[in-house]
PDB file of N, CA and C in Angstrom:
ATOM      1  N   MET A   1      21.123  21.548 -73.101  1.00  0.00           N
ATOM      2  CA  MET A   1      21.155  20.298 -72.325  1.00  0.00           C
ATOM      3  C   MET A   1      21.033  21.562 -71.128  1.00  0.00           C
ATOM      4  N   SER A   2      20.182  20.850 -70.330  1.00  0.00           N
ATOM      5  CA  SER A   2      19.635  21.321 -68.645  1.00  0.00           C
ATOM      6  C   SER A   2      20.509  20.424 -67.524  1.00  0.00           C
ATOM      7  N   ARG A   3      21.016  21.096 -66.747  1.00  0.00           N
ATOM      8  CA  ARG A   3      21.519  20.299 -66.144  1.00  0.00           C
ATOM      9  C   ARG A   3      20.518  19.928 -64.460  1.00  0.00           C
ATOM     10  N   LYS A   4      20.410  18.723 -64.148  1.00  0.00           N
ATOM     11  CA  LYS A   4      19.314  18.784 -63.054  1.00  0.00           C
ATOM     12  C   LYS A   4      20.744  18.429 -61.575  1.00  0.00           C
ATOM     13  N   TYR A   5      20.245  19.225 -60.387  1.00  0.00           N
ATOM     14  CA  TYR A   5      21.461  18.359 -59.456  1.00  0.00           C
ATOM     15  C   TYR A   5      20.427  17.657 -58.647  1.00  0.00           C
ATOM     16  N   ILE A   6      21.275  16.884 -58.009  1.00  0.00           N
ATOM     17  CA  ILE A   6      20.775  15.857 -57.093  1.00  0.00           C
ATOM     18  C   ILE A   6      21.473  16.008 -55.857  1.00  0.00           C
ATOM     19  N   ARG A   7      20.399  16.182 -55.264  1.00  0.00           N
ATOM     20  CA  ARG A   7      20.703  16.800 -53.321  1.00  0.00           C
ATOM     21  C   ARG A   7      21.560  15.043 -52.561  1.00  0.00           C
ATOM     22  N   VAL A   8      22.439  15.006 -52.367  1.00  0.00           N
ATOM     23  CA  VAL A   8      22.896  13.716 -51.701  1.00  0.00           C
ATOM     24  C   VAL A   8      22.486  14.076 -50.200  1.00  0.00           C
ATOM     25  N   VAL A   9      22.151  13.041 -49.528  1.00  0.00           N
ATOM     26  CA  VAL A   9      21.936  13.064 -47.985  1.00  0.00           C
ATOM     27  C   VAL A   9      23.306  11.992 -47.183  1.00  0.00           C
ATOM     28  N   PRO A  10      24.342  12.792 -46.654  1.00  0.00           N
ATOM     29  CA  PRO A  10      25.486  11.806 -46.579  1.00  0.00           C
ATOM     30  C   PRO A  10      25.076  10.356 -45.703  1.00  0.00           C
ATOM     31  N   MET A  11      25.362   9.157 -46.287  1.00  0.00           N
ATOM     32  CA  MET A  11      24.713   7.626 -45.993  1.00  0.00           C
ATOM     33  C   MET A  11      25.096   7.837 -43.952  1.00  0.00           C
ATOM     34  N   LEU A  12      25.772   8.256 -43.391  1.00  0.00           N
ATOM     35  CA  LEU A  12      25.899   8.115 -42.449  1.00  0.00           C
ATOM     36  C   LEU A  12      24.925   8.722 -41.418  1.00  0.00           C
ATOM     37  N   ALA A  13      24.364   9.795 -42.193  1.00  0.00           N
ATOM     38  CA  ALA A  13      22.814  10.303 -41.777  1.00  0.00           C
ATOM     39  C   ALA A  13      21.661   9.435 -41.592  1.00  0.00           C
ATOM     40  N   VAL A  14      21.470   8.894 -42.729  1.00  0.00           N
ATOM     41  CA  VAL A  14      20.724   7.746 -43.606  1.00  0.00           C
ATOM     42  C   VAL A  14      20.530   6.892 -42.464  1.00  0.00           C
ATOM     43  N   LEU A  15      21.810   6.025 -41.963  1.00  0.00           N
ATOM     44  CA  LEU A  15      21.587   5.093 -41.677  1.00  0.00           C
ATOM     45  C   LEU A  15      21.449   5.612 -39.979  1.00  0.00           C
ATOM     46  N   ALA A  16      21.837   6.562 -39.396  1.00  0.00           N
ATOM     47  CA  ALA A  16      21.222   6.998 -37.994  1.00  0.00           C
ATOM     48  C   ALA A  16      19.795   6.993 -37.942  1.00  0.00           C
ATOM     49  N   LEU A  17      19.353   7.625 -38.599  1.00  0.00           N
ATOM     50  CA  LEU A  17      18.247   7.795 -38.946  1.00  0.00           C
ATOM     51  C   LEU A  17      17.371   6.333 -38.442  1.00  0.00           C
ATOM     52  N   ALA A  18      17.851   5.553 -39.583  1.00  0.00           N
ATOM     53  CA  ALA A  18      17.352   3.681 -39.481  1.00  0.00           C
ATOM     54  C   ALA A  18      17.830   3.133 -38.331  1.00  0.00           C
ATOM     55  N   SER A  19      18.572   3.753 -37.493  1.00  0.00           N
ATOM     56  CA  SER A  19      19.208   2.535 -36.380  1.00  0.00           C
ATOM     57  C   SER A  19      17.887   3.684 -35.157  1.00  0.00           C
ATOM     58  N   THR A  20      17.611   4.349 -35.479  1.00  0.00           N
ATOM     59  CA  THR A  20      16.651   4.927 -34.043  1.00  0.00           C
ATOM     60  C   THR A  20      15.422   4.796 -34.343  1.00  0.00           C
ATOM     61  N   ALA A  21      15.074   4.349 -36.055  1.00  0.00           N
ATOM     62  CA  ALA A  21      13.643   4.379 -36.580  1.00  0.00           C
ATOM     63  C   ALA A  21      12.675   3.335 -35.575  1.00  0.00           C
ATOM     64  N   GLY A  22      13.461   1.800 -35.313  1.00  0.00           N
ATOM     65  CA  GLY A  22      12.912   0.713 -34.913  1.00  0.00           C
ATOM     66  C   GLY A  22      13.221   0.406 -33.374  1.00  0.00           C
ATOM     67  N   GLN A  23      13.215   1.823 -32.130  1.00  0.00           N
ATOM     68  CA  GLN A  23      14.052   1.470 -31.199  1.00  0.00           C
ATOM     69  C   GLN A  23      12.803   2.635 -30.126  1.00  0.00           C
ATOM     70  N   ALA A  24      11.644   2.285 -30.747  1.00  0.00           N
ATOM     71  CA  ALA A  24      10.712   2.964 -29.911  1.00  0.00           C
ATOM     72  C   ALA A  24      10.703   2.892 -28.560  1.00  0.00           C
ATOM     73  N   ALA A  25      10.599   3.793 -27.444  1.00  0.00           N
ATOM     74  CA  ALA A  25      10.339   3.411 -26.010  1.00  0.00           C
ATOM     75  C   ALA A  25       9.204   2.478 -25.738  1.00  0.00           C
ATOM     76  N   GLU A  26       9.086   1.992 -24.299  1.00  0.00           N
ATOM     77  CA  GLU A  26       8.519   1.010 -24.212  1.00  0.00           C
ATOM     78  C   GLU A  26       7.825   1.282 -23.031  1.00  0.00           C
ATOM     79  N   THR A  27       6.693   0.591 -22.391  1.00  0.00           N
ATOM     80  CA  THR A  27       6.094   0.573 -21.032  1.00  0.00           C
ATOM     81  C   THR A  27       6.272  -0.704 -20.468  1.00  0.00           C
ATOM     82  N   LYS A  28       6.932  -0.745 -19.347  1.00  0.00           N
ATOM     83  CA  LYS A  28       6.913  -1.897 -18.851  1.00  0.00           C
ATOM     84  C   LYS A  28       6.546  -2.042 -17.368  1.00  0.00           C
ATOM     85  N   THR A  29       5.740  -3.024 -16.612  1.00  0.00           N
ATOM     86  CA  THR A  29       5.326  -2.991 -15.504  1.00  0.00           C
ATOM     87  C   THR A  29       6.148  -3.601 -14.332  1.00  0.00           C
ATOM     88  N   VAL A  30       5.784  -2.844 -13.432  1.00  0.00           N
ATOM     89  CA  VAL A  30       6.117  -4.149 -11.547  1.00  0.00           C
ATOM     90  C   VAL A  30       5.081  -3.824 -10.918  1.00  0.00           C
ATOM     91  N   THR A  31       4.650  -5.418 -10.738  1.00  0.00           N
ATOM     92  CA  THR A  31       3.280  -5.336 -10.148  1.00  0.00           C
ATOM     93  C   THR A  31       4.072  -5.414  -8.574  1.00  0.00           C
ATOM     94  N   ILE A  32       2.903  -4.641  -7.502  1.00  0.00           N
ATOM     95  CA  ILE A  32       3.476  -4.781  -5.995  1.00  0.00           C
ATOM     96  C   ILE A  32       2.766  -5.103  -5.628  1.00  0.00           C
ATOM     97  N   GLU A  33       2.905  -6.649  -5.189  1.00  0.00           N
ATOM     98  CA  GLU A  33       1.329  -7.704  -4.337  1.00  0.00           C
ATOM     99  C   GLU A  33       2.022  -8.738  -3.230  1.00  0.00           C
ATOM    100  N   ASN A  34       1.443  -8.742  -2.306  1.00  0.00           N
ATOM    101  CA  ASN A  34       1.759  -9.664  -1.555  1.00  0.00           C
ATOM    102  C   ASN A  34       3.388  -8.951  -0.332  1.00  0.00           C
ATOM    103  N   LEU A  35       3.472  -8.254  -0.542  1.00  0.00           N
ATOM    104  CA  LEU A  35       4.599  -7.299  -0.361  1.00  0.00           C
ATOM    105  C   LEU A  35       5.750  -7.598  -0.612  1.00  0.00           C
ATOM    106  N   LYS A  36       5.529  -7.354  -2.506  1.00  0.00           N
ATOM    107  CA  LYS A  36       7.140  -7.779  -2.985  1.00  0.00           C
ATOM    108  C   LYS A  36       7.236  -7.105  -4.701  1.00  0.00           C
ATOM    109  N   PHE A  37       7.833  -6.723  -5.031  1.00  0.00           N
ATOM    110  CA  PHE A  37       7.508  -5.833  -6.369  1.00  0.00           C
ATOM    111  C   PHE A  37       8.214  -7.232  -7.253  1.00  0.00           C
ATOM    112  N   GLN A  38       7.352  -7.243  -8.268  1.00  0.00           N
ATOM    113  CA  GLN A  38       7.261  -8.586  -9.013  1.00  0.00           C
ATOM    114  C   GLN A  38       7.240  -7.844 -10.878  1.00  0.00           C
ATOM    115  N   PRO A  39       8.534  -7.970 -11.640  1.00  0.00           N
ATOM    116  CA  PRO A  39       9.748  -8.774 -10.997  1.00  0.00           C
ATOM    117  C   PRO A  39      10.182  -7.915 -10.426  1.00  0.00           C
ATOM    118  N   ALA A  40      11.592  -9.134  -9.248  1.00  0.00           N
ATOM    119  CA  ALA A  40      12.451  -7.997  -8.646  1.00  0.00           C
ATOM    120  C   ALA A  40      13.504  -7.132  -8.715  1.00  0.00           C
ATOM    121  N   THR A  41      13.424  -7.836 -10.011  1.00  0.00           N
ATOM    122  CA  THR A  41      14.850  -6.896 -11.257  1.00  0.00           C
ATOM    123  C   THR A  41      14.409  -6.678 -12.611  1.00  0.00           C
ATOM    124  N   LEU A  42      14.177  -5.482 -13.056  1.00  0.00           N
ATOM    125  CA  LEU A  42      13.552  -5.440 -14.331  1.00  0.00           C
ATOM    126  C   LEU A  42      15.052  -4.192 -15.040  1.00  0.00           C
ATOM    127  N   SER A  43      14.852  -4.910 -16.211  1.00  0.00           N
ATOM    128  CA  SER A  43      15.971  -4.228 -17.383  1.00  0.00           C
ATOM    129  C   SER A  43      14.740  -3.589 -18.285  1.00  0.00           C
ATOM    130  N   VAL A  44      15.616  -1.787 -18.368  1.00  0.00           N
ATOM    131  CA  VAL A  44      14.811  -1.096 -19.372  1.00  0.00           C
ATOM    132  C   VAL A  44      15.853  -0.327 -20.478  1.00  0.00           C
ATOM    133  N   LYS A  45      15.427   0.260 -21.571  1.00  0.00           N
ATOM    134  CA  LYS A  45      16.421   0.966 -21.647  1.00  0.00           C
ATOM    135  C   LYS A  45      16.290   2.441 -21.421  1.00  0.00           C
ATOM    136  N   GLN A  46      16.724   2.968 -22.048  1.00  0.00           N
ATOM    137  CA  GLN A  46      16.666   4.569 -21.656  1.00  0.00           C
ATOM    138  C   GLN A  46      15.644   4.951 -22.742  1.00  0.00           C
ATOM    139  N   GLY A  47      14.798   6.005 -22.128  1.00  0.00           N
ATOM    140  CA  GLY A  47      13.799   6.000 -22.523  1.00  0.00           C
ATOM    141  C   GLY A  47      12.313   5.696 -22.411  1.00  0.00           C
ATOM    142  N   ASP A  48      12.328   4.035 -21.958  1.00  0.00           N
ATOM    143  CA  ASP A  48      11.188   3.496 -21.193  1.00  0.00           C
ATOM    144  C   ASP A  48      10.574   4.119 -20.022  1.00  0.00           C
ATOM    145  N   THR A  49       9.843   3.429 -20.063  1.00  0.00           N
ATOM    146  CA  THR A  49       8.267   4.172 -18.856  1.00  0.00           C
ATOM    147  C   THR A  49       7.886   2.715 -18.119  1.00  0.00           C
ATOM    148  N   VAL A  50       8.325   2.866 -16.583  1.00  0.00           N
ATOM    149  CA  VAL A  50       8.126   1.716 -15.992  1.00  0.00           C
ATOM    150  C   VAL A  50       6.871   2.382 -15.251  1.00  0.00           C
ATOM    151  N   VAL A  51       5.866   1.314 -15.054  1.00  0.00           N
ATOM    152  CA  VAL A  51       4.650   1.619 -13.717  1.00  0.00           C
ATOM    153  C   VAL A  51       4.952   0.821 -13.362  1.00  0.00           C
ATOM    154  N   TRP A  52       4.139   0.987 -11.849  1.00  0.00           N
ATOM    155  CA  TRP A  52       4.286   0.262 -10.558  1.00  0.00           C
ATOM    156  C   TRP A  52       2.606   0.237 -10.254  1.00  0.00           C
ATOM    157  N   LYS A  53       2.720  -0.844 -10.308  1.00  0.00           N
ATOM    158  CA  LYS A  53       0.859  -0.929  -9.826  1.00  0.00           C
ATOM    159  C   LYS A  53       0.588  -1.616  -8.823  1.00  0.00           C
ATOM    160  N   ASN A  54       0.016  -1.328  -7.864  1.00  0.00           N
ATOM    161  CA  ASN A  54       0.014  -1.237  -6.322  1.00  0.00           C
ATOM    162  C   ASN A  54      -1.338  -2.339  -6.486  1.00  0.00           C
ATOM    163  N   ALA A  55      -1.249  -3.812  -6.354  1.00  0.00           N
ATOM    164  CA  ALA A  55      -2.178  -4.552  -6.103  1.00  0.00           C
ATOM    165  C   ALA A  55      -2.598  -4.989  -4.444  1.00  0.00           C
ATOM    166  N   ASP A  56      -1.661  -4.072  -3.885  1.00  0.00           N
ATOM    167  CA  ASP A  56      -2.021  -4.820  -2.383  1.00  0.00           C
ATOM    168  C   ASP A  56      -2.985  -3.632  -2.107  1.00  0.00           C
ATOM    169  N   LEU A  57      -3.319  -4.459  -0.808  1.00  0.00           N
ATOM    170  CA  LEU A  57      -4.532  -3.381   0.355  1.00  0.00           C
ATOM    171  C   LEU A  57      -4.306  -2.096   0.650  1.00  0.00           C
ATOM    172  N   PHE A  58      -2.503  -1.823   0.876  1.00  0.00           N
ATOM    173  CA  PHE A  58      -2.125  -1.291   1.770  1.00  0.00           C
ATOM    174  C   PHE A  58      -1.403  -0.039   0.453  1.00  0.00           C
ATOM    175  N   PRO A  59      -0.729   1.231   1.088  1.00  0.00           N
ATOM    176  CA  PRO A  59      -0.253   2.262   0.044  1.00  0.00           C
ATOM    177  C   PRO A  59       1.537   1.500   0.323  1.00  0.00           C
ATOM    178  N   HIS A  60       2.318   1.525  -0.713  1.00  0.00           N
ATOM    179  CA  HIS A  60       3.455   1.547  -0.964  1.00  0.00           C
ATOM    180  C   HIS A  60       4.479   2.282  -1.780  1.00  0.00           C
ATOM    181  N   THR A  61       5.439   2.291  -1.679  1.00  0.00           N
ATOM    182  CA  THR A  61       6.739   3.406  -2.340  1.00  0.00           C
ATOM    183  C   THR A  61       7.921   2.736  -3.590  1.00  0.00           C
ATOM    184  N   ALA A  62       7.870   3.419  -4.126  1.00  0.00           N
ATOM    185  CA  ALA A  62       8.741   2.771  -5.164  1.00  0.00           C
ATOM    186  C   ALA A  62      10.197   3.602  -4.466  1.00  0.00           C
ATOM    187  N   THR A  63      11.054   3.917  -4.049  1.00  0.00           N
ATOM    188  CA  THR A  63      12.283   4.555  -3.804  1.00  0.00           C
ATOM    189  C   THR A  63      13.371   4.592  -4.191  1.00  0.00           C
ATOM    190  N   ALA A  64      14.356   5.010  -4.678  1.00  0.00           N
ATOM    191  CA  ALA A  64      15.918   4.534  -5.061  1.00  0.00           C
ATOM    192  C   ALA A  64      16.313   6.614  -4.849  1.00  0.00           C
ATOM    193  N   PRO A  65      17.523   5.864  -3.334  1.00  0.00           N
ATOM    194  CA  PRO A  65      17.621   7.488  -3.112  1.00  0.00           C
ATOM    195  C   PRO A  65      18.841   7.838  -4.586  1.00  0.00           C
ATOM    196  N   GLY A  66      18.721   9.310  -5.287  1.00  0.00           N
ATOM    197  CA  GLY A  66      19.311   9.889  -6.050  1.00  0.00           C
ATOM    198  C   GLY A  66      18.551   9.494  -7.193  1.00  0.00           C
ATOM    199  N   GLY A  67      17.567   8.188  -7.542  1.00  0.00           N
ATOM    200  CA  GLY A  67      17.209   7.754  -8.756  1.00  0.00           C
ATOM    201  C   GLY A  67      15.867   8.489  -9.209  1.00  0.00           C
ATOM    202  N   PHE A  68      14.749   7.946  -7.692  1.00  0.00           N
ATOM    203  CA  PHE A  68      13.469   8.479  -8.189  1.00  0.00           C
ATOM    204  C   PHE A  68      12.695   8.357  -7.060  1.00  0.00           C
ATOM    205  N   ASP A  69      11.693   8.685  -6.832  1.00  0.00           N
ATOM    206  CA  ASP A  69      10.782   8.583  -5.589  1.00  0.00           C
ATOM    207  C   ASP A  69       9.329   8.306  -5.924  1.00  0.00           C
ATOM    208  N   SER A  70       8.480   7.515  -5.728  1.00  0.00           N
ATOM    209  CA  SER A  70       6.755   7.899  -5.928  1.00  0.00           C
ATOM    210  C   SER A  70       6.466   8.448  -4.879  1.00  0.00           C
ATOM    211  N   LYS A  71       6.986   8.543  -3.952  1.00  0.00           N
ATOM    212  CA  LYS A  71       5.790   8.705  -2.813  1.00  0.00           C
ATOM    213  C   LYS A  71       4.944   7.688  -2.527  1.00  0.00           C
ATOM    214  N   GLU A  72       3.918   7.778  -1.877  1.00  0.00           N
ATOM    215  CA  GLU A  72       2.681   6.914  -1.332  1.00  0.00           C
ATOM    216  C   GLU A  72       1.922   6.326  -3.078  1.00  0.00           C
ATOM    217  N   ILE A  73       2.018   5.228  -3.442  1.00  0.00           N
ATOM    218  CA  ILE A  73       0.749   4.711  -4.055  1.00  0.00           C
ATOM    219  C   ILE A  73      -0.219   3.684  -3.571  1.00  0.00           C
ATOM    220  N   ALA A  74      -1.194   4.280  -3.756  1.00  0.00           N
ATOM    221  CA  ALA A  74      -2.114   3.869  -2.888  1.00  0.00           C
ATOM    222  C   ALA A  74      -2.662   2.419  -3.570  1.00  0.00           C
ATOM    223  N   ALA A  75      -3.040   1.701  -2.695  1.00  0.00           N
ATOM    224  CA  ALA A  75      -4.249   0.725  -2.809  1.00  0.00           C
ATOM    225  C   ALA A  75      -4.593   0.777  -4.315  1.00  0.00           C
ATOM    226  N   ASN A  76      -4.622  -0.119  -5.084  1.00  0.00           N
ATOM    227  CA  ASN A  76      -5.188   0.063  -6.710  1.00  0.00           C
ATOM    228  C   ASN A  76      -4.613   1.027  -7.843  1.00  0.00           C
ATOM    229  N   GLY A  77      -3.351   1.588  -6.710  1.00  0.00           N
ATOM    230  CA  GLY A  77      -3.244   2.933  -7.559  1.00  0.00           C
ATOM    231  C   GLY A  77      -2.013   2.253  -8.265  1.00  0.00           C
ATOM    232  N   THR A  78      -1.265   3.233  -9.312  1.00  0.00           N
ATOM    233  CA  THR A  78       0.120   3.184 -10.195  1.00  0.00           C
ATOM    234  C   THR A  78       1.031   4.632 -10.255  1.00  0.00           C
ATOM    235  N   TRP A  79       2.051   4.361 -10.334  1.00  0.00           N
ATOM    236  CA  TRP A  79       2.585   5.763 -10.624  1.00  0.00           C
ATOM    237  C   TRP A  79       3.860   5.232 -11.712  1.00  0.00           C
ATOM    238  N   LYS A  80       3.839   6.344 -12.154  1.00  0.00           N
ATOM    239  CA  LYS A  80       4.668   6.039 -13.897  1.00  0.00           C
ATOM    240  C   LYS A  80       6.424   7.007 -13.761  1.00  0.00           C
ATOM    241  N   PHE A  81       7.618   6.160 -14.076  1.00  0.00           N
ATOM    242  CA  PHE A  81       8.570   6.889 -14.129  1.00  0.00           C
ATOM    243  C   PHE A  81       9.054   6.885 -15.402  1.00  0.00           C
ATOM    244  N   THR A  82       9.797   7.886 -16.606  1.00  0.00           N
ATOM    245  CA  THR A  82      10.395   7.759 -17.471  1.00  0.00           C
ATOM    246  C   THR A  82      11.871   7.564 -16.756  1.00  0.00           C
ATOM    247  N   ALA A  83      12.722   6.527 -17.559  1.00  0.00           N
ATOM    248  CA  ALA A  83      14.218   6.332 -17.164  1.00  0.00           C
ATOM    249  C   ALA A  83      15.032   7.153 -17.829  1.00  0.00           C
ATOM    250  N   LYS A  84      15.571   8.274 -17.981  1.00  0.00           N
ATOM    251  CA  LYS A  84      16.261   9.055 -18.339  1.00  0.00           C
ATOM    252  C   LYS A  84      17.442   8.687 -17.833  1.00  0.00           C
ATOM    253  N   LYS A  85      18.356   8.027 -17.194  1.00  0.00           N
ATOM    254  CA  LYS A  85      19.570   7.897 -16.777  1.00  0.00           C
ATOM    255  C   LYS A  85      19.726   6.859 -16.801  1.00  0.00           C
ATOM    256  N   LYS A  86      21.377   6.250 -16.947  1.00  0.00           N
ATOM    257  CA  LYS A  86      21.649   5.088 -17.552  1.00  0.00           C
ATOM    258  C   LYS A  86      22.225   4.577 -16.074  1.00  0.00           C
ATOM    259  N   GLY A  87      22.067   3.210 -15.540  1.00  0.00           N
ATOM    260  CA  GLY A  87      22.287   2.841 -14.302  1.00  0.00           C
ATOM    261  C   GLY A  87      21.741   1.509 -13.686  1.00  0.00           C
ATOM    262  N   THR A  88      22.152   1.623 -12.324  1.00  0.00           N
ATOM    263  CA  THR A  88      21.642   0.607 -11.822  1.00  0.00           C
ATOM    264  C   THR A  88      21.075   1.025 -10.530  1.00  0.00           C
ATOM    265  N   PHE A  89      19.385   0.804 -10.262  1.00  0.00           N
ATOM    266  CA  PHE A  89      19.063   1.676  -9.377  1.00  0.00           C
ATOM    267  C   PHE A  89      18.076   0.817  -8.238  1.00  0.00           C
ATOM    268  N   GLN A  90      19.424   0.774  -7.037  1.00  0.00           N
ATOM    269  CA  GLN A  90      18.439  -0.611  -5.840  1.00  0.00           C
ATOM    270  C   GLN A  90      17.462   0.346  -5.105  1.00  0.00           C
ATOM    271  N   TYR A  91      16.122   0.191  -5.023  1.00  0.00           N
ATOM    272  CA  TYR A  91      14.761   0.634  -4.631  1.00  0.00           C
ATOM    273  C   TYR A  91      14.077  -0.556  -3.486  1.00  0.00           C
ATOM    274  N   ILE A  92      13.503   0.480  -2.927  1.00  0.00           N
ATOM    275  CA  ILE A  92      12.488  -0.393  -1.716  1.00  0.00           C
ATOM    276  C   ILE A  92      10.802   0.651  -1.332  1.00  0.00           C
ATOM    277  N   CYS A  93      10.502  -0.135  -0.693  1.00  0.00           N
ATOM    278  CA  CYS A  93       9.100   0.703  -0.395  1.00  0.00           C
ATOM    279  C   CYS A  93       9.712   1.127   1.247  1.00  0.00           C
ATOM    280  N   THR A  94       9.451   2.505   1.088  1.00  0.00           N
ATOM    281  CA  THR A  94       9.870   3.177   2.536  1.00  0.00           C
ATOM    282  C   THR A  94       9.091   2.903   3.597  1.00  0.00           C
ATOM    283  N   LEU A  95       8.106   2.121   3.322  1.00  0.00           N
ATOM    284  CA  LEU A  95       7.065   1.747   3.995  1.00  0.00           C
ATOM    285  C   LEU A  95       6.844   0.633   4.876  1.00  0.00           C
ATOM    286  N   HIS A  96       7.851  -0.184   3.986  1.00  0.00           N
ATOM    287  CA  HIS A  96       8.138  -1.309   4.252  1.00  0.00           C
ATOM    288  C   HIS A  96       9.570  -2.016   3.754  1.00  0.00           C
ATOM    289  N   PRO A  97      10.496  -1.529   4.837  1.00  0.00           N
ATOM    290  CA  PRO A  97      11.750  -1.511   3.818  1.00  0.00           C
ATOM    291  C   PRO A  97      12.532  -2.759   3.713  1.00  0.00           C
ATOM    292  N   THR A  98      11.777  -4.236   4.069  1.00  0.00           N
ATOM    293  CA  THR A  98      12.169  -5.443   3.748  1.00  0.00           C
ATOM    294  C   THR A  98      11.716  -5.722   2.472  1.00  0.00           C
ATOM    295  N   MET A  99      10.828  -4.822   1.142  1.00  0.00           N
ATOM    296  CA  MET A  99      11.002  -4.918  -0.172  1.00  0.00           C
ATOM    297  C   MET A  99      12.004  -3.982  -0.734  1.00  0.00           C
ATOM    298  N   LYS A 100      12.121  -4.936  -1.666  1.00  0.00           N
ATOM    299  CA  LYS A 100      13.501  -4.102  -2.459  1.00  0.00           C
ATOM    300  C   LYS A 100      13.202  -4.782  -3.898  1.00  0.00           C
ATOM    301  N   GLY A 101      13.987  -3.884  -4.892  1.00  0.00           N
ATOM    302  CA  GLY A 101      13.943  -3.978  -6.159  1.00  0.00           C
ATOM    303  C   GLY A 101      15.011  -3.405  -6.536  1.00  0.00           C
ATOM    304  N   THR A 102      15.027  -3.764  -8.102  1.00  0.00           N
ATOM    305  CA  THR A 102      16.328  -3.136  -9.164  1.00  0.00           C
ATOM    306  C   THR A 102      15.597  -2.526 -10.271  1.00  0.00           C
ATOM    307  N   LEU A 103      15.952  -1.498 -10.677  1.00  0.00           N
ATOM    308  CA  LEU A 103      15.998  -1.254 -11.800  1.00  0.00           C
ATOM    309  C   LEU A 103      17.123  -0.963 -12.639  1.00  0.00           C
ATOM    310  N   VAL A 104      17.136  -1.688 -13.697  1.00  0.00           N
ATOM    311  CA  VAL A 104      18.653  -2.182 -15.034  1.00  0.00           C
ATOM    312  C   VAL A 104      18.170  -0.872 -15.713  1.00  0.00           C
ATOM    313  N   VAL A 105      18.622   0.359 -16.512  1.00  0.00           N
ATOM    314  CA  VAL A 105      18.487   1.224 -17.073  1.00  0.00           C
ATOM    315  C   VAL A 105      19.850   0.890 -18.316  1.00  0.00           C
ATOM    316  N   LYS A 106      19.486   0.609 -19.374  1.00  0.00           N
ATOM    317  CA  LYS A 106      20.676   0.029 -20.533  1.00  0.00           C
ATOM    318  C   LYS A 106      20.602   1.876 -21.629  1.00  0.00           C
TER     319      LYS A 106
END
């Protein structure tokens, strides 16, 4: 009589793979228009990408001290940022400091 061996994968490993499979990174957009970031507050998951799209006729920045800095985003231009660090990031346009936004990374 021959014996067949079955390799058993630990259940926790299977559950871990299943729980991360449905959490694909997403891309979210912040539109810059009429001297405003829209939405003013955006929540994303760690690993998501945020795209700032400048719909104004002049440049802007998205700058969070210690978090990220787009430098100048030209009119009709975009800038992408991948959220790697959890936290709440208050950001402004350094060219127009009354423009404020918040990025929440969970």
